[in-house]
C-alpha cells in the first residue's frame, strides 16, 4: 500500500510553522525528512519551526550552513538538523555521523542530494517551491515509508 500525501500551499510564515509543528509532533527516532528546494525556498525556516515545536522551551535554532550539523534534545528525543550544501562527497556525511543518526534520531536534511546513495530508504522528501507570485510556497511530498506517511497524513488531516 502506498500513501499519497497532499500538496500544500504555504501562504504565510505562520502556515509553514503550523505544518512543521504538526509534522514534527508525529515523528519518531529513525524518521528522516529530506528537505529540497532552492536557496530561500523555506527549508531552514521549516526545520527551525519543527525543532522549536518539539522543545520544552523554544531556543534559538541557527541554520547549520557553516557547522553542517546541529543536534537538539527534544520531547521526542534527539533531532539532527544538517545542511549538506558545502559537502563535496557523500563520504563526508558518514564522517559527520549522519548514517548512524538515521537510525537513532529524527533527521532533517537540507540539500539531501549530497547524500547520493546514503539517503535512508524510508526517508520522506519534502519539496519547497516558489509559487508564481514568490510570496507563497508549494510543499509537495515524495517517497517515505508507509508508516511515516500514515502518521503524517493523520497529522495533516
N, C-alpha and C. Protein backbone atom coordinates (compact mmCIF):
# COMPACT_ATOMS: atom_id res chain seq x y z
N UNK A 1 0.85 -1.18 0.00
CA UNK A 1 0.00 0.00 0.00
C UNK A 1 0.89 1.24 0.00
N UNK A 2 0.55 2.22 -0.80
CA UNK A 2 1.32 3.45 -0.88
C UNK A 2 0.43 4.62 -0.47
N UNK A 3 0.91 5.41 0.45
CA UNK A 3 0.18 6.57 0.95
C UNK A 3 0.62 7.79 0.16
N UNK A 4 -0.34 8.54 -0.38
CA UNK A 4 -0.02 9.77 -1.09
C UNK A 4 -0.39 10.95 -0.20
N UNK A 5 0.59 11.80 0.05
CA UNK A 5 0.34 12.99 0.86
C UNK A 5 -0.03 14.14 -0.06
N UNK A 6 -0.93 15.02 0.38
CA UNK A 6 -1.38 16.12 -0.48
C UNK A 6 -0.32 17.22 -0.62
N UNK A 7 -0.32 17.89 -1.75
CA UNK A 7 0.48 19.11 -1.88
C UNK A 7 -0.17 20.17 -1.02
N UNK A 8 0.65 21.03 -0.44
CA UNK A 8 0.15 22.09 0.43
C UNK A 8 0.63 23.44 -0.07
N UNK A 9 -0.21 24.44 0.05
CA UNK A 9 0.17 25.81 -0.27
C UNK A 9 0.45 26.52 1.05
N UNK A 10 1.69 26.96 1.22
CA UNK A 10 2.10 27.67 2.43
C UNK A 10 2.11 29.16 2.09
N UNK A 11 1.06 29.85 2.49
CA UNK A 11 0.90 31.24 2.05
C UNK A 11 1.41 32.27 3.05
N UNK A 12 1.80 31.82 4.24
CA UNK A 12 2.36 32.74 5.24
C UNK A 12 3.41 32.00 6.06
N UNK A 13 4.31 32.72 6.71
CA UNK A 13 5.24 32.05 7.61
C UNK A 13 4.51 31.26 8.71
N UNK A 14 3.40 31.79 9.21
CA UNK A 14 2.68 31.07 10.26
C UNK A 14 2.07 29.77 9.73
N UNK A 15 1.70 29.73 8.46
CA UNK A 15 1.20 28.48 7.87
C UNK A 15 2.32 27.44 7.82
N UNK A 16 3.53 27.88 7.49
CA UNK A 16 4.69 26.98 7.48
C UNK A 16 4.97 26.47 8.89
N UNK A 17 4.92 27.36 9.87
CA UNK A 17 5.15 26.98 11.26
C UNK A 17 4.12 25.95 11.71
N UNK A 18 2.87 26.15 11.36
CA UNK A 18 1.79 25.24 11.75
C UNK A 18 2.00 23.84 11.15
N UNK A 19 2.33 23.78 9.87
CA UNK A 19 2.56 22.49 9.21
C UNK A 19 3.79 21.81 9.80
N UNK A 20 4.85 22.56 10.03
CA UNK A 20 6.06 21.99 10.62
C UNK A 20 5.77 21.42 12.01
N UNK A 21 4.99 22.12 12.79
CA UNK A 21 4.64 21.66 14.14
C UNK A 21 3.81 20.38 14.08
N UNK A 22 2.86 20.33 13.17
CA UNK A 22 2.00 19.15 13.05
C UNK A 22 2.81 17.94 12.59
N UNK A 23 3.69 18.15 11.64
CA UNK A 23 4.54 17.05 11.17
C UNK A 23 5.51 16.63 12.28
N UNK A 24 6.12 17.60 12.93
CA UNK A 24 7.08 17.29 13.98
C UNK A 24 6.50 16.45 15.10
N UNK A 25 5.24 16.71 15.46
CA UNK A 25 4.60 16.00 16.56
C UNK A 25 4.44 14.51 16.31
N UNK A 26 4.48 14.10 15.05
CA UNK A 26 4.26 12.68 14.76
C UNK A 26 5.54 11.93 14.40
N UNK A 27 6.68 12.59 14.49
CA UNK A 27 7.94 11.94 14.14
C UNK A 27 8.48 11.11 15.30
N UNK A 28 9.24 10.09 14.95
CA UNK A 28 9.89 9.24 15.95
C UNK A 28 11.34 9.01 15.53
N UNK A 29 12.15 8.54 16.47
CA UNK A 29 13.55 8.23 16.16
C UNK A 29 13.60 7.28 14.97
N UNK A 30 14.49 7.59 14.04
CA UNK A 30 14.61 6.80 12.82
C UNK A 30 13.92 7.43 11.62
N UNK A 31 13.12 8.48 11.85
CA UNK A 31 12.47 9.19 10.74
C UNK A 31 13.43 10.22 10.16
N UNK A 32 13.47 10.29 8.83
CA UNK A 32 14.31 11.28 8.15
C UNK A 32 13.46 12.04 7.15
N UNK A 33 13.55 13.37 7.21
CA UNK A 33 12.91 14.26 6.24
C UNK A 33 14.01 14.88 5.40
N UNK A 34 13.90 14.70 4.09
CA UNK A 34 14.86 15.26 3.14
C UNK A 34 14.25 16.54 2.58
N UNK A 35 14.86 17.67 2.86
CA UNK A 35 14.29 18.98 2.52
C UNK A 35 14.94 19.51 1.25
N UNK A 36 14.15 19.56 0.18
CA UNK A 36 14.62 20.00 -1.13
C UNK A 36 14.07 21.39 -1.44
N UNK A 37 14.82 22.18 -2.19
CA UNK A 37 14.35 23.47 -2.65
C UNK A 37 15.50 24.42 -2.88
N UNK A 38 15.22 25.45 -3.65
CA UNK A 38 16.23 26.46 -3.93
C UNK A 38 16.58 27.22 -2.65
N UNK A 39 17.66 27.97 -2.70
CA UNK A 39 18.03 28.84 -1.59
C UNK A 39 16.88 29.82 -1.35
N UNK A 40 16.47 29.94 -0.10
CA UNK A 40 15.39 30.84 0.25
C UNK A 40 13.99 30.27 0.08
N UNK A 41 13.88 29.00 -0.28
CA UNK A 41 12.56 28.40 -0.52
C UNK A 41 11.82 28.03 0.76
N UNK A 42 12.51 28.03 1.90
CA UNK A 42 11.83 27.76 3.16
C UNK A 42 12.29 26.51 3.90
N UNK A 43 13.35 25.87 3.44
CA UNK A 43 13.82 24.64 4.09
C UNK A 43 14.26 24.90 5.53
N UNK A 44 15.11 25.90 5.72
CA UNK A 44 15.62 26.20 7.06
C UNK A 44 14.51 26.72 7.97
N UNK A 45 13.62 27.52 7.43
CA UNK A 45 12.50 28.05 8.22
C UNK A 45 11.64 26.89 8.73
N UNK A 46 11.34 25.95 7.82
CA UNK A 46 10.54 24.79 8.18
C UNK A 46 11.25 23.98 9.27
N UNK A 47 12.54 23.69 9.07
CA UNK A 47 13.30 22.90 10.04
C UNK A 47 13.33 23.60 11.40
N UNK A 48 13.57 24.89 11.40
CA UNK A 48 13.63 25.67 12.65
C UNK A 48 12.28 25.58 13.37
N UNK A 49 11.19 25.77 12.65
CA UNK A 49 9.86 25.73 13.26
C UNK A 49 9.56 24.33 13.82
N UNK A 50 9.94 23.30 13.09
CA UNK A 50 9.70 21.93 13.55
C UNK A 50 10.49 21.67 14.83
N UNK A 51 11.76 22.01 14.84
CA UNK A 51 12.60 21.78 16.02
C UNK A 51 12.07 22.55 17.22
N UNK A 52 11.76 23.83 17.04
CA UNK A 52 11.26 24.64 18.15
C UNK A 52 9.95 24.10 18.69
N UNK A 53 9.12 23.52 17.84
CA UNK A 53 7.85 22.97 18.30
C UNK A 53 8.05 21.75 19.20
N UNK A 54 9.21 21.12 19.13
CA UNK A 54 9.49 19.93 19.93
C UNK A 54 10.27 20.23 21.21
N UNK A 55 10.71 21.46 21.38
CA UNK A 55 11.49 21.83 22.55
C UNK A 55 10.58 22.23 23.70
N UNK A 56 10.99 21.87 24.93
CA UNK A 56 10.22 22.29 26.10
C UNK A 56 10.12 23.81 26.17
N UNK A 57 11.28 24.45 25.93
CA UNK A 57 11.34 25.91 25.84
C UNK A 57 12.04 26.22 24.53
N UNK A 58 11.30 26.74 23.56
CA UNK A 58 11.93 27.03 22.27
C UNK A 58 13.17 27.90 22.43
N UNK A 59 14.25 27.45 21.82
CA UNK A 59 15.51 28.19 21.86
C UNK A 59 15.92 28.55 20.44
N UNK A 60 16.97 29.33 20.35
CA UNK A 60 17.48 29.72 19.05
C UNK A 60 17.90 28.47 18.27
N UNK A 61 17.48 28.39 17.03
CA UNK A 61 17.83 27.27 16.15
C UNK A 61 18.51 27.85 14.92
N UNK A 62 19.84 27.98 14.97
CA UNK A 62 20.55 28.57 13.83
C UNK A 62 20.62 27.59 12.67
N UNK A 63 20.77 28.12 11.48
CA UNK A 63 20.97 27.28 10.31
C UNK A 63 22.34 26.62 10.43
N UNK A 64 22.43 25.33 10.12
CA UNK A 64 23.73 24.66 10.20
C UNK A 64 24.58 24.82 8.94
N UNK A 65 24.41 25.93 8.23
CA UNK A 65 25.14 26.16 6.98
C UNK A 65 26.64 26.02 7.17
N UNK A 66 27.17 26.55 8.25
CA UNK A 66 28.62 26.52 8.45
C UNK A 66 29.07 25.40 9.38
N UNK A 67 28.20 25.02 10.32
CA UNK A 67 28.55 23.93 11.24
C UNK A 67 28.23 22.57 10.63
N UNK A 68 27.45 22.56 9.57
CA UNK A 68 26.99 21.37 8.85
C UNK A 68 25.91 20.59 9.60
N UNK A 69 26.07 20.41 10.91
CA UNK A 69 25.08 19.66 11.69
C UNK A 69 24.87 20.36 13.03
N UNK A 70 23.62 20.47 13.43
CA UNK A 70 23.25 20.92 14.77
C UNK A 70 22.38 19.81 15.35
N UNK A 71 22.57 19.50 16.62
CA UNK A 71 21.71 18.50 17.28
C UNK A 71 20.97 19.15 18.43
N UNK A 72 19.79 18.61 18.70
CA UNK A 72 18.91 19.16 19.73
C UNK A 72 18.27 18.02 20.50
N UNK A 73 18.19 18.17 21.81
CA UNK A 73 17.41 17.26 22.64
C UNK A 73 16.00 17.82 22.71
N UNK A 74 15.02 16.99 22.41
CA UNK A 74 13.63 17.43 22.39
C UNK A 74 12.75 16.44 23.15
N UNK A 75 11.48 16.76 23.22
CA UNK A 75 10.50 15.90 23.86
C UNK A 75 10.44 14.52 23.20
N UNK A 76 10.76 14.45 21.92
CA UNK A 76 10.68 13.19 21.18
C UNK A 76 12.03 12.51 21.03
N UNK A 77 13.05 13.06 21.65
CA UNK A 77 14.40 12.51 21.53
C UNK A 77 15.29 13.45 20.74
N UNK A 78 16.41 12.92 20.30
CA UNK A 78 17.40 13.74 19.61
C UNK A 78 16.95 14.06 18.18
N UNK A 79 17.16 15.32 17.79
CA UNK A 79 16.90 15.77 16.42
C UNK A 79 18.21 16.27 15.83
N UNK A 80 18.52 15.78 14.64
CA UNK A 80 19.69 16.24 13.89
C UNK A 80 19.20 17.11 12.74
N UNK A 81 19.77 18.30 12.62
CA UNK A 81 19.47 19.20 11.50
C UNK A 81 20.78 19.40 10.74
N UNK A 82 20.81 18.96 9.50
CA UNK A 82 22.03 19.03 8.69
C UNK A 82 21.80 19.85 7.44
N UNK A 83 22.78 20.66 7.10
CA UNK A 83 22.80 21.40 5.84
C UNK A 83 24.02 20.91 5.07
N UNK A 84 23.79 20.14 4.04
CA UNK A 84 24.87 19.48 3.32
C UNK A 84 25.35 20.24 2.09
N UNK A 85 24.91 21.47 1.95
CA UNK A 85 25.25 22.27 0.77
C UNK A 85 26.75 22.29 0.47
N UNK A 86 27.56 22.37 1.51
CA UNK A 86 29.01 22.52 1.32
C UNK A 86 29.75 21.20 1.19
N UNK A 87 29.04 20.06 1.27
CA UNK A 87 29.72 18.78 1.11
C UNK A 87 30.05 18.52 -0.35
N UNK A 88 31.21 17.93 -0.57
CA UNK A 88 31.60 17.62 -1.96
C UNK A 88 31.60 16.12 -2.23
N UNK A 89 31.43 15.31 -1.19
CA UNK A 89 31.46 13.86 -1.37
C UNK A 89 30.53 13.23 -0.33
N UNK A 90 29.73 12.23 -0.71
CA UNK A 90 28.83 11.59 0.24
C UNK A 90 29.54 11.01 1.47
N UNK A 91 30.78 10.60 1.30
CA UNK A 91 31.53 10.07 2.43
C UNK A 91 31.67 11.05 3.58
N UNK A 92 31.61 12.34 3.26
CA UNK A 92 31.70 13.36 4.32
C UNK A 92 30.48 13.29 5.24
N UNK A 93 29.34 12.88 4.70
CA UNK A 93 28.14 12.73 5.54
C UNK A 93 28.34 11.60 6.55
N UNK A 94 29.01 10.55 6.13
CA UNK A 94 29.32 9.45 7.06
C UNK A 94 30.26 9.94 8.16
N UNK A 95 31.24 10.75 7.78
CA UNK A 95 32.19 11.28 8.76
C UNK A 95 31.50 12.15 9.81
N UNK A 96 30.40 12.79 9.42
CA UNK A 96 29.63 13.62 10.35
C UNK A 96 28.79 12.78 11.31
N UNK A 97 28.66 11.49 11.04
CA UNK A 97 27.85 10.61 11.87
C UNK A 97 26.41 10.50 11.42
N UNK A 98 26.09 11.07 10.26
CA UNK A 98 24.69 11.07 9.81
C UNK A 98 24.13 9.67 9.59
N UNK A 99 24.91 8.79 9.01
CA UNK A 99 24.36 7.46 8.72
C UNK A 99 23.97 6.73 10.01
N UNK A 100 24.68 6.97 11.10
CA UNK A 100 24.27 6.39 12.39
C UNK A 100 23.03 7.09 12.92
N UNK A 101 22.97 8.40 12.76
CA UNK A 101 21.82 9.17 13.25
C UNK A 101 20.53 8.79 12.55
N UNK A 102 20.62 8.34 11.30
CA UNK A 102 19.41 7.96 10.57
C UNK A 102 18.60 6.90 11.31
N UNK A 103 19.24 6.07 12.10
CA UNK A 103 18.50 5.02 12.80
C UNK A 103 18.21 5.38 14.26
N UNK A 104 18.89 6.38 14.80
CA UNK A 104 18.74 6.66 16.23
C UNK A 104 18.11 8.02 16.56
N UNK A 105 17.92 8.86 15.56
CA UNK A 105 17.41 10.22 15.81
C UNK A 105 16.41 10.60 14.73
N UNK A 106 15.74 11.69 14.95
CA UNK A 106 14.93 12.33 13.91
C UNK A 106 15.90 13.20 13.12
N UNK A 107 15.92 13.06 11.81
CA UNK A 107 16.88 13.80 10.99
C UNK A 107 16.17 14.69 9.98
N UNK A 108 16.60 15.93 9.92
CA UNK A 108 16.13 16.91 8.94
C UNK A 108 17.34 17.28 8.09
N UNK A 109 17.29 16.97 6.81
CA UNK A 109 18.47 17.11 5.95
C UNK A 109 18.19 18.09 4.82
N UNK A 110 18.90 19.21 4.83
CA UNK A 110 18.84 20.16 3.71
C UNK A 110 19.91 19.78 2.69
N UNK A 111 19.61 19.96 1.43
CA UNK A 111 20.49 19.60 0.32
C UNK A 111 20.81 18.10 0.35
N UNK A 112 19.77 17.27 0.42
CA UNK A 112 19.97 15.82 0.56
C UNK A 112 20.57 15.15 -0.67
N UNK A 113 20.59 15.85 -1.80
CA UNK A 113 21.23 15.26 -2.99
C UNK A 113 22.69 14.95 -2.73
N UNK A 114 23.29 15.64 -1.76
CA UNK A 114 24.70 15.40 -1.42
C UNK A 114 24.91 14.03 -0.76
N UNK A 115 23.83 13.41 -0.31
CA UNK A 115 23.93 12.08 0.30
C UNK A 115 24.10 10.97 -0.74
N UNK A 116 23.62 11.22 -1.95
CA UNK A 116 23.63 10.20 -3.01
C UNK A 116 22.95 8.94 -2.47
N UNK A 117 23.61 7.81 -2.54
CA UNK A 117 23.00 6.54 -2.15
C UNK A 117 22.93 6.34 -0.64
N UNK A 118 23.45 7.27 0.15
CA UNK A 118 23.41 7.14 1.61
C UNK A 118 22.06 7.54 2.21
N UNK A 119 21.19 8.15 1.42
CA UNK A 119 19.88 8.55 1.95
C UNK A 119 19.11 7.31 2.40
N UNK A 120 18.51 7.36 3.58
CA UNK A 120 17.77 6.19 4.07
C UNK A 120 16.59 5.85 3.16
N UNK A 121 16.33 4.57 3.01
CA UNK A 121 15.28 4.11 2.09
C UNK A 121 13.89 4.61 2.47
N UNK A 122 13.59 4.72 3.75
CA UNK A 122 12.26 5.14 4.18
C UNK A 122 12.11 6.63 4.36
N UNK A 123 13.11 7.41 3.94
CA UNK A 123 13.07 8.86 4.13
C UNK A 123 11.96 9.48 3.28
N UNK A 124 11.38 10.55 3.78
CA UNK A 124 10.36 11.30 3.07
C UNK A 124 10.97 12.59 2.53
N UNK A 125 10.81 12.82 1.24
CA UNK A 125 11.29 14.06 0.61
C UNK A 125 10.19 15.11 0.65
N UNK A 126 10.56 16.30 1.10
CA UNK A 126 9.69 17.46 1.08
C UNK A 126 10.29 18.45 0.10
N UNK A 127 9.50 18.86 -0.89
CA UNK A 127 9.97 19.78 -1.93
C UNK A 127 9.29 21.13 -1.74
N UNK A 128 10.10 22.15 -1.48
CA UNK A 128 9.62 23.52 -1.32
C UNK A 128 9.88 24.27 -2.61
N UNK A 129 8.81 24.83 -3.19
CA UNK A 129 8.95 25.58 -4.44
C UNK A 129 8.23 26.91 -4.33
N UNK A 130 8.86 27.93 -4.92
CA UNK A 130 8.20 29.23 -5.02
C UNK A 130 6.98 29.11 -5.91
N UNK A 131 5.93 29.84 -5.58
CA UNK A 131 4.78 29.93 -6.49
C UNK A 131 5.02 31.09 -7.44
N UNK A 132 4.11 31.30 -8.34
CA UNK A 132 4.27 32.35 -9.35
C UNK A 132 4.46 33.74 -8.76
N UNK A 133 3.84 33.99 -7.61
CA UNK A 133 3.95 35.35 -7.04
C UNK A 133 5.11 35.49 -6.05
N UNK A 134 5.90 34.43 -5.84
CA UNK A 134 7.09 34.43 -4.98
C UNK A 134 6.84 34.74 -3.51
N UNK A 135 5.59 34.88 -3.09
CA UNK A 135 5.33 35.10 -1.67
C UNK A 135 4.81 33.84 -1.00
N UNK A 136 4.38 32.88 -1.78
CA UNK A 136 3.87 31.62 -1.25
C UNK A 136 4.81 30.49 -1.65
N UNK A 137 4.70 29.39 -0.92
CA UNK A 137 5.49 28.20 -1.24
C UNK A 137 4.55 27.02 -1.45
N UNK A 138 4.89 26.21 -2.43
CA UNK A 138 4.18 24.96 -2.65
C UNK A 138 5.02 23.87 -2.00
N UNK A 139 4.42 23.07 -1.16
CA UNK A 139 5.11 21.97 -0.49
C UNK A 139 4.54 20.66 -1.01
N UNK A 140 5.41 19.86 -1.59
CA UNK A 140 4.99 18.54 -2.07
C UNK A 140 5.85 17.47 -1.40
N UNK A 141 5.31 16.28 -1.35
CA UNK A 141 5.94 15.15 -0.67
C UNK A 141 6.21 14.04 -1.67
N UNK A 142 7.30 13.31 -1.45
CA UNK A 142 7.62 12.18 -2.31
C UNK A 142 8.30 11.09 -1.49
N UNK A 143 7.91 9.85 -1.74
CA UNK A 143 8.55 8.72 -1.08
C UNK A 143 8.09 8.58 0.35
N UNK A 144 8.98 8.07 1.18
CA UNK A 144 8.67 7.85 2.58
C UNK A 144 8.07 6.47 2.82
N UNK A 145 8.38 5.92 3.97
CA UNK A 145 7.80 4.62 4.33
C UNK A 145 6.30 4.78 4.55
N UNK A 146 5.57 3.69 4.40
CA UNK A 146 4.13 3.75 4.61
C UNK A 146 3.80 4.18 6.04
N UNK A 147 4.56 3.71 7.01
CA UNK A 147 4.26 4.07 8.39
C UNK A 147 4.49 5.56 8.64
N UNK A 148 5.57 6.11 8.09
CA UNK A 148 5.83 7.55 8.24
C UNK A 148 4.75 8.36 7.52
N UNK A 149 4.43 7.99 6.31
CA UNK A 149 3.40 8.72 5.56
C UNK A 149 2.04 8.64 6.23
N UNK A 150 1.72 7.49 6.81
CA UNK A 150 0.45 7.36 7.52
C UNK A 150 0.39 8.30 8.71
N UNK A 151 1.47 8.36 9.49
CA UNK A 151 1.50 9.26 10.64
C UNK A 151 1.36 10.72 10.19
N UNK A 152 2.06 11.09 9.12
CA UNK A 152 1.99 12.48 8.66
C UNK A 152 0.62 12.78 8.07
N UNK A 153 0.05 11.84 7.35
CA UNK A 153 -1.29 12.03 6.80
C UNK A 153 -2.30 12.31 7.91
N UNK A 154 -2.21 11.56 8.99
CA UNK A 154 -3.12 11.78 10.14
C UNK A 154 -2.86 13.14 10.77
N UNK A 155 -1.58 13.54 10.85
CA UNK A 155 -1.24 14.83 11.47
C UNK A 155 -1.75 16.00 10.63
N UNK A 156 -1.82 15.81 9.33
CA UNK A 156 -2.26 16.89 8.43
C UNK A 156 -3.77 16.93 8.26
N UNK A 157 -4.47 15.88 8.70
CA UNK A 157 -5.93 15.79 8.49
C UNK A 157 -6.67 16.80 9.33
